[in-house]
Amino acid sequence: KQLVEDAQAEAQEISAQTMAAAQQEAQSQREAAQKELDAQKESAMAALEQQVDALGKQIMSKLLGAAA
């Protein structure tokens, strides 16, 4: 009987360790995914700012051309 109890306790410990490792891995993957999303968002915002700047320059050029 003691052998069975010891085996069950060991199985529970291994299960808990496995669960903790899986949770840690999942957390690491979530953090990596969030960093990737943040980087993509930053890149998209920079591209959008460049487009807005270029469009602003085109508008100013056309306005100045129309005023001349």
PDB file of N, CA and C in Angstrom:
ATOM      1  N   LYS A   1       0.826  -1.202   0.000  1.00  0.00           N
ATOM      2  CA  LYS A   1       0.000   0.000   0.000  1.00  0.00           C
ATOM      3  C   LYS A   1       0.867   1.261   0.000  1.00  0.00           C
ATOM      4  N   GLN A   2       1.922   1.266   0.763  1.00  0.00           N
ATOM      5  CA  GLN A   2       2.817   2.427   0.813  1.00  0.00           C
ATOM      6  C   GLN A   2       3.442   2.682  -0.555  1.00  0.00           C
ATOM      7  N   LEU A   3       3.756   1.612  -1.250  1.00  0.00           N
ATOM      8  CA  LEU A   3       4.346   1.739  -2.578  1.00  0.00           C
ATOM      9  C   LEU A   3       3.378   2.445  -3.538  1.00  0.00           C
ATOM     10  N   VAL A   4       2.105   2.092  -3.455  1.00  0.00           N
ATOM     11  CA  VAL A   4       1.088   2.719  -4.300  1.00  0.00           C
ATOM     12  C   VAL A   4       0.957   4.194  -3.948  1.00  0.00           C
ATOM     13  N   GLU A   5       0.936   4.512  -2.660  1.00  0.00           N
ATOM     14  CA  GLU A   5       0.817   5.903  -2.221  1.00  0.00           C
ATOM     15  C   GLU A   5       2.027   6.721  -2.667  1.00  0.00           C
ATOM     16  N   ASP A   6       3.205   6.122  -2.551  1.00  0.00           N
ATOM     17  CA  ASP A   6       4.419   6.810  -3.000  1.00  0.00           C
ATOM     18  C   ASP A   6       4.371   7.065  -4.508  1.00  0.00           C
ATOM     19  N   ALA A   7       3.914   6.075  -5.250  1.00  0.00           N
ATOM     20  CA  ALA A   7       3.822   6.215  -6.703  1.00  0.00           C
ATOM     21  C   ALA A   7       2.809   7.298  -7.072  1.00  0.00           C
ATOM     22  N   GLN A   8       1.681   7.337  -6.359  1.00  0.00           N
ATOM     23  CA  GLN A   8       0.670   8.361  -6.628  1.00  0.00           C
ATOM     24  C   GLN A   8       1.209   9.753  -6.302  1.00  0.00           C
ATOM     25  N   ALA A   9       1.916   9.867  -5.185  1.00  0.00           N
ATOM     26  CA  ALA A   9       2.487  11.159  -4.797  1.00  0.00           C
ATOM     27  C   ALA A   9       3.507  11.615  -5.833  1.00  0.00           C
ATOM     28  N   GLU A  10       4.327  10.690  -6.299  1.00  0.00           N
ATOM     29  CA  GLU A  10       5.324  11.033  -7.309  1.00  0.00           C
ATOM     30  C   GLU A  10       4.649  11.434  -8.624  1.00  0.00           C
ATOM     31  N   ALA A  11       3.596  10.721  -8.983  1.00  0.00           N
ATOM     32  CA  ALA A  11       2.865  11.053 -10.206  1.00  0.00           C
ATOM     33  C   ALA A  11       2.246  12.443 -10.098  1.00  0.00           C
ATOM     34  N   GLN A  12       1.702  12.773  -8.938  1.00  0.00           N
ATOM     35  CA  GLN A  12       1.115  14.099  -8.738  1.00  0.00           C
ATOM     36  C   GLN A  12       2.188  15.183  -8.815  1.00  0.00           C
ATOM     37  N   GLU A  13       3.351  14.899  -8.248  1.00  0.00           N
ATOM     38  CA  GLU A  13       4.447  15.869  -8.287  1.00  0.00           C
ATOM     39  C   GLU A  13       4.917  16.093  -9.725  1.00  0.00           C
ATOM     40  N   ILE A  14       5.065  15.013 -10.462  1.00  0.00           N
ATOM     41  CA  ILE A  14       5.479  15.123 -11.862  1.00  0.00           C
ATOM     42  C   ILE A  14       4.425  15.874 -12.667  1.00  0.00           C
ATOM     43  N   SER A  15       3.169  15.577 -12.403  1.00  0.00           N
ATOM     44  CA  SER A  15       2.076  16.266 -13.090  1.00  0.00           C
ATOM     45  C   SER A  15       2.103  17.760 -12.789  1.00  0.00           C
ATOM     46  N   ALA A  16       2.330  18.114 -11.527  1.00  0.00           N
ATOM     47  CA  ALA A  16       2.390  19.527 -11.138  1.00  0.00           C
ATOM     48  C   ALA A  16       3.575  20.218 -11.802  1.00  0.00           C
ATOM     49  N   GLN A  17       4.717  19.543 -11.856  1.00  0.00           N
ATOM     50  CA  GLN A  17       5.900  20.116 -12.498  1.00  0.00           C
ATOM     51  C   GLN A  17       5.662  20.310 -13.998  1.00  0.00           C
ATOM     52  N   THR A  18       5.030  19.328 -14.612  1.00  0.00           N
ATOM     53  CA  THR A  18       4.728  19.413 -16.039  1.00  0.00           C
ATOM     54  C   THR A  18       3.767  20.559 -16.320  1.00  0.00           C
ATOM     55  N   MET A  19       2.758  20.699 -15.467  1.00  0.00           N
ATOM     56  CA  MET A  19       1.788  21.782 -15.625  1.00  0.00           C
ATOM     57  C   MET A  19       2.467  23.138 -15.455  1.00  0.00           C
ATOM     58  N   ALA A  20       3.338  23.252 -14.463  1.00  0.00           N
ATOM     59  CA  ALA A  20       4.048  24.513 -14.235  1.00  0.00           C
ATOM     60  C   ALA A  20       4.935  24.856 -15.431  1.00  0.00           C
ATOM     61  N   ALA A  21       5.614  23.857 -15.972  1.00  0.00           N
ATOM     62  CA  ALA A  21       6.472  24.089 -17.135  1.00  0.00           C
ATOM     63  C   ALA A  21       5.638  24.506 -18.344  1.00  0.00           C
ATOM     64  N   ALA A  22       4.487  23.881 -18.527  1.00  0.00           N
ATOM     65  CA  ALA A  22       3.613  24.227 -19.650  1.00  0.00           C
ATOM     66  C   ALA A  22       3.078  25.649 -19.499  1.00  0.00           C
ATOM     67  N   GLN A  23       2.724  26.024 -18.275  1.00  0.00           N
ATOM     68  CA  GLN A  23       2.237  27.380 -18.035  1.00  0.00           C
ATOM     69  C   GLN A  23       3.337  28.401 -18.301  1.00  0.00           C
ATOM     70  N   GLN A  24       4.549  28.081 -17.889  1.00  0.00           N
ATOM     71  CA  GLN A  24       5.687  28.981 -18.126  1.00  0.00           C
ATOM     72  C   GLN A  24       5.933  29.147 -19.622  1.00  0.00           C
ATOM     73  N   GLU A  25       5.879  28.043 -20.349  1.00  0.00           N
ATOM     74  CA  GLU A  25       6.083  28.084 -21.801  1.00  0.00           C
ATOM     75  C   GLU A  25       4.978  28.898 -22.472  1.00  0.00           C
ATOM     76  N   ALA A  26       3.745  28.689 -22.039  1.00  0.00           N
ATOM     77  CA  ALA A  26       2.626  29.448 -22.610  1.00  0.00           C
ATOM     78  C   ALA A  26       2.797  30.943 -22.339  1.00  0.00           C
ATOM     79  N   GLN A  27       3.232  31.281 -21.141  1.00  0.00           N
ATOM     80  CA  GLN A  27       3.454  32.688 -20.800  1.00  0.00           C
ATOM     81  C   GLN A  27       4.564  33.282 -21.672  1.00  0.00           C
ATOM     82  N   SER A  28       5.628  32.532 -21.860  1.00  0.00           N
ATOM     83  CA  SER A  28       6.729  33.000 -22.710  1.00  0.00           C
ATOM     84  C   SER A  28       6.254  33.224 -24.142  1.00  0.00           C
ATOM     85  N   GLN A  29       5.435  32.314 -24.639  1.00  0.00           N
ATOM     86  CA  GLN A  29       4.914  32.454 -26.000  1.00  0.00           C
ATOM     87  C   GLN A  29       3.986  33.659 -26.113  1.00  0.00           C
ATOM     88  N   ARG A  30       3.162  33.881 -25.087  1.00  0.00           N
ATOM     89  CA  ARG A  30       2.284  35.059 -25.095  1.00  0.00           C
ATOM     90  C   ARG A  30       3.104  36.344 -25.113  1.00  0.00           C
ATOM     91  N   GLU A  31       4.154  36.381 -24.295  1.00  0.00           N
ATOM     92  CA  GLU A  31       5.007  37.573 -24.245  1.00  0.00           C
ATOM     93  C   GLU A  31       5.702  37.811 -25.585  1.00  0.00           C
ATOM     94  N   ALA A  32       6.191  36.735 -26.201  1.00  0.00           N
ATOM     95  CA  ALA A  32       6.851  36.865 -27.502  1.00  0.00           C
ATOM     96  C   ALA A  32       5.860  37.343 -28.561  1.00  0.00           C
ATOM     97  N   ALA A  33       4.655  36.808 -28.530  1.00  0.00           N
ATOM     98  CA  ALA A  33       3.632  37.228 -29.491  1.00  0.00           C
ATOM     99  C   ALA A  33       3.270  38.696 -29.285  1.00  0.00           C
ATOM    100  N   GLN A  34       3.178  39.117 -28.031  1.00  0.00           N
ATOM    101  CA  GLN A  34       2.846  40.515 -27.748  1.00  0.00           C
ATOM    102  C   GLN A  34       3.949  41.446 -28.244  1.00  0.00           C
ATOM    103  N   LYS A  35       5.210  41.040 -28.046  1.00  0.00           N
ATOM    104  CA  LYS A  35       6.330  41.850 -28.544  1.00  0.00           C
ATOM    105  C   LYS A  35       6.273  41.967 -30.060  1.00  0.00           C
ATOM    106  N   GLU A  36       5.958  40.866 -30.729  1.00  0.00           N
ATOM    107  CA  GLU A  36       5.862  40.872 -32.191  1.00  0.00           C
ATOM    108  C   GLU A  36       4.726  41.790 -32.649  1.00  0.00           C
ATOM    109  N   LEU A  37       3.586  41.700 -31.975  1.00  0.00           N
ATOM    110  CA  LEU A  37       2.464  42.576 -32.318  1.00  0.00           C
ATOM    111  C   LEU A  37       2.820  44.038 -32.102  1.00  0.00           C
ATOM    112  N   ASP A  38       3.487  44.323 -30.997  1.00  0.00           N
ATOM    113  CA  ASP A  38       3.893  45.701 -30.715  1.00  0.00           C
ATOM    114  C   ASP A  38       4.846  46.222 -31.792  1.00  0.00           C
ATOM    115  N   ALA A  39       5.778  45.375 -32.220  1.00  0.00           N
ATOM    116  CA  ALA A  39       6.733  45.773 -33.257  1.00  0.00           C
ATOM    117  C   ALA A  39       6.010  46.032 -34.578  1.00  0.00           C
ATOM    118  N   GLN A  40       5.057  45.169 -34.922  1.00  0.00           N
ATOM    119  CA  GLN A  40       4.294  45.364 -36.155  1.00  0.00           C
ATOM    120  C   GLN A  40       3.458  46.642 -36.080  1.00  0.00           C
ATOM    121  N   LYS A  41       2.875  46.886 -34.922  1.00  0.00           N
ATOM    122  CA  LYS A  41       2.064  48.096 -34.744  1.00  0.00           C
ATOM    123  C   LYS A  41       2.937  49.342 -34.897  1.00  0.00           C
ATOM    124  N   GLU A  42       4.112  49.302 -34.292  1.00  0.00           N
ATOM    125  CA  GLU A  42       5.030  50.440 -34.382  1.00  0.00           C
ATOM    126  C   GLU A  42       5.457  50.681 -35.828  1.00  0.00           C
ATOM    127  N   SER A  43       5.749  49.609 -36.537  1.00  0.00           N
ATOM    128  CA  SER A  43       6.149  49.716 -37.939  1.00  0.00           C
ATOM    129  C   SER A  43       5.009  50.280 -38.788  1.00  0.00           C
ATOM    130  N   ALA A  44       3.799  49.801 -38.545  1.00  0.00           N
ATOM    131  CA  ALA A  44       2.643  50.290 -39.297  1.00  0.00           C
ATOM    132  C   ALA A  44       2.396  51.767 -39.015  1.00  0.00           C
ATOM    133  N   MET A  45       2.547  52.169 -37.768  1.00  0.00           N
ATOM    134  CA  MET A  45       2.344  53.580 -37.420  1.00  0.00           C
ATOM    135  C   MET A  45       3.399  54.461 -38.088  1.00  0.00           C
ATOM    136  N   ALA A  46       4.634  53.992 -38.130  1.00  0.00           N
ATOM    137  CA  ALA A  46       5.700  54.761 -38.780  1.00  0.00           C
ATOM    138  C   ALA A  46       5.408  54.911 -40.273  1.00  0.00           C
ATOM    139  N   ALA A  47       4.957  53.832 -40.899  1.00  0.00           N
ATOM    140  CA  ALA A  47       4.620  53.893 -42.326  1.00  0.00           C
ATOM    141  C   ALA A  47       3.455  54.849 -42.557  1.00  0.00           C
ATOM    142  N   LEU A  48       2.475  54.804 -41.680  1.00  0.00           N
ATOM    143  CA  LEU A  48       1.321  55.698 -41.805  1.00  0.00           C
ATOM    144  C   LEU A  48       1.742  57.156 -41.645  1.00  0.00           C
ATOM    145  N   GLU A  49       2.627  57.414 -40.705  1.00  0.00           N
ATOM    146  CA  GLU A  49       3.121  58.782 -40.517  1.00  0.00           C
ATOM    147  C   GLU A  49       3.842  59.280 -41.765  1.00  0.00           C
ATOM    148  N   GLN A  50       4.612  58.405 -42.397  1.00  0.00           N
ATOM    149  CA  GLN A  50       5.306  58.787 -43.632  1.00  0.00           C
ATOM    150  C   GLN A  50       4.306  59.104 -44.740  1.00  0.00           C
ATOM    151  N   GLN A  51       3.255  58.293 -44.834  1.00  0.00           N
ATOM    152  CA  GLN A  51       2.235  58.531 -45.857  1.00  0.00           C
ATOM    153  C   GLN A  51       1.507  59.847 -45.604  1.00  0.00           C
ATOM    154  N   VAL A  52       1.187  60.110 -44.350  1.00  0.00           N
ATOM    155  CA  VAL A  52       0.511  61.364 -44.002  1.00  0.00           C
ATOM    156  C   VAL A  52       1.410  62.548 -44.335  1.00  0.00           C
ATOM    157  N   ASP A  53       2.685  62.428 -44.014  1.00  0.00           N
ATOM    158  CA  ASP A  53       3.632  63.506 -44.307  1.00  0.00           C
ATOM    159  C   ASP A  53       3.724  63.745 -45.816  1.00  0.00           C
ATOM    160  N   ALA A  54       3.828  62.660 -46.579  1.00  0.00           N
ATOM    161  CA  ALA A  54       3.917  62.788 -48.040  1.00  0.00           C
ATOM    162  C   ALA A  54       2.642  63.409 -48.600  1.00  0.00           C
ATOM    163  N   LEU A  55       1.502  62.994 -48.094  1.00  0.00           N
ATOM    164  CA  LEU A  55       0.236  63.549 -48.560  1.00  0.00           C
ATOM    165  C   LEU A  55       0.140  65.031 -48.209  1.00  0.00           C
ATOM    166  N   GLY A  56       0.582  65.389 -47.021  1.00  0.00           N
ATOM    167  CA  GLY A  56       0.591  66.795 -46.613  1.00  0.00           C
ATOM    168  C   GLY A  56       1.454  67.634 -47.537  1.00  0.00           C
ATOM    169  N   LYS A  57       2.597  67.100 -47.928  1.00  0.00           N
ATOM    170  CA  LYS A  57       3.486  67.820 -48.846  1.00  0.00           C
ATOM    171  C   LYS A  57       2.841  67.984 -50.217  1.00  0.00           C
ATOM    172  N   GLN A  58       2.152  66.939 -50.679  1.00  0.00           N
ATOM    173  CA  GLN A  58       1.466  67.023 -51.970  1.00  0.00           C
ATOM    174  C   GLN A  58       0.370  68.089 -51.930  1.00  0.00           C
ATOM    175  N   ILE A  59      -0.378  68.109 -50.841  1.00  0.00           N
ATOM    176  CA  ILE A  59      -1.453  69.104 -50.700  1.00  0.00           C
ATOM    177  C   ILE A  59      -0.875  70.512 -50.694  1.00  0.00           C
ATOM    178  N   MET A  60       0.184  70.712 -49.931  1.00  0.00           N
ATOM    179  CA  MET A  60       0.814  72.039 -49.873  1.00  0.00           C
ATOM    180  C   MET A  60       1.331  72.452 -51.247  1.00  0.00           C
ATOM    181  N   SER A  61       1.932  71.502 -51.951  1.00  0.00           N
ATOM    182  CA  SER A  61       2.463  71.793 -53.279  1.00  0.00           C
ATOM    183  C   SER A  61       1.339  72.207 -54.227  1.00  0.00           C
ATOM    184  N   LYS A  62       0.221  71.492 -54.179  1.00  0.00           N
ATOM    185  CA  LYS A  62      -0.911  71.820 -55.051  1.00  0.00           C
ATOM    186  C   LYS A  62      -1.525  73.157 -54.659  1.00  0.00           C
ATOM    187  N   LEU A  63      -1.626  73.420 -53.360  1.00  0.00           N
ATOM    188  CA  LEU A  63      -2.177  74.704 -52.911  1.00  0.00           C
ATOM    189  C   LEU A  63      -1.285  75.863 -53.343  1.00  0.00           C
ATOM    190  N   LEU A  64       0.017  75.666 -53.177  1.00  0.00           N
ATOM    191  CA  LEU A  64       0.952  76.720 -53.590  1.00  0.00           C
ATOM    192  C   LEU A  64       0.925  76.907 -55.102  1.00  0.00           C
ATOM    193  N   GLY A  65       0.778  75.799 -55.828  1.00  0.00           N
ATOM    194  CA  GLY A  65       0.699  75.875 -57.287  1.00  0.00           C
ATOM    195  C   GLY A  65      -0.582  76.564 -57.730  1.00  0.00           C
ATOM    196  N   ALA A  66      -1.675  76.323 -57.036  1.00  0.00           N
ATOM    197  CA  ALA A  66      -2.957  76.940 -57.386  1.00  0.00           C
ATOM    198  C   ALA A  66      -2.955  78.422 -57.054  1.00  0.00           C
ATOM    199  N   ALA A  67      -2.207  78.808 -56.020  1.00  0.00           N
ATOM    200  CA  ALA A  67      -2.167  80.212 -55.604  1.00  0.00           C
ATOM    201  C   ALA A  67      -1.280  81.040 -56.528  1.00  0.00           C
ATOM    202  N   ALA A  68      -0.379  80.378 -57.237  1.00  0.00           N
ATOM    203  CA  ALA A  68       0.575  81.127 -58.080  1.00  0.00           C
ATOM    204  C   ALA A  68      -0.033  81.571 -59.384  1.00  0.00           C
TER     205      ALA A  68
END
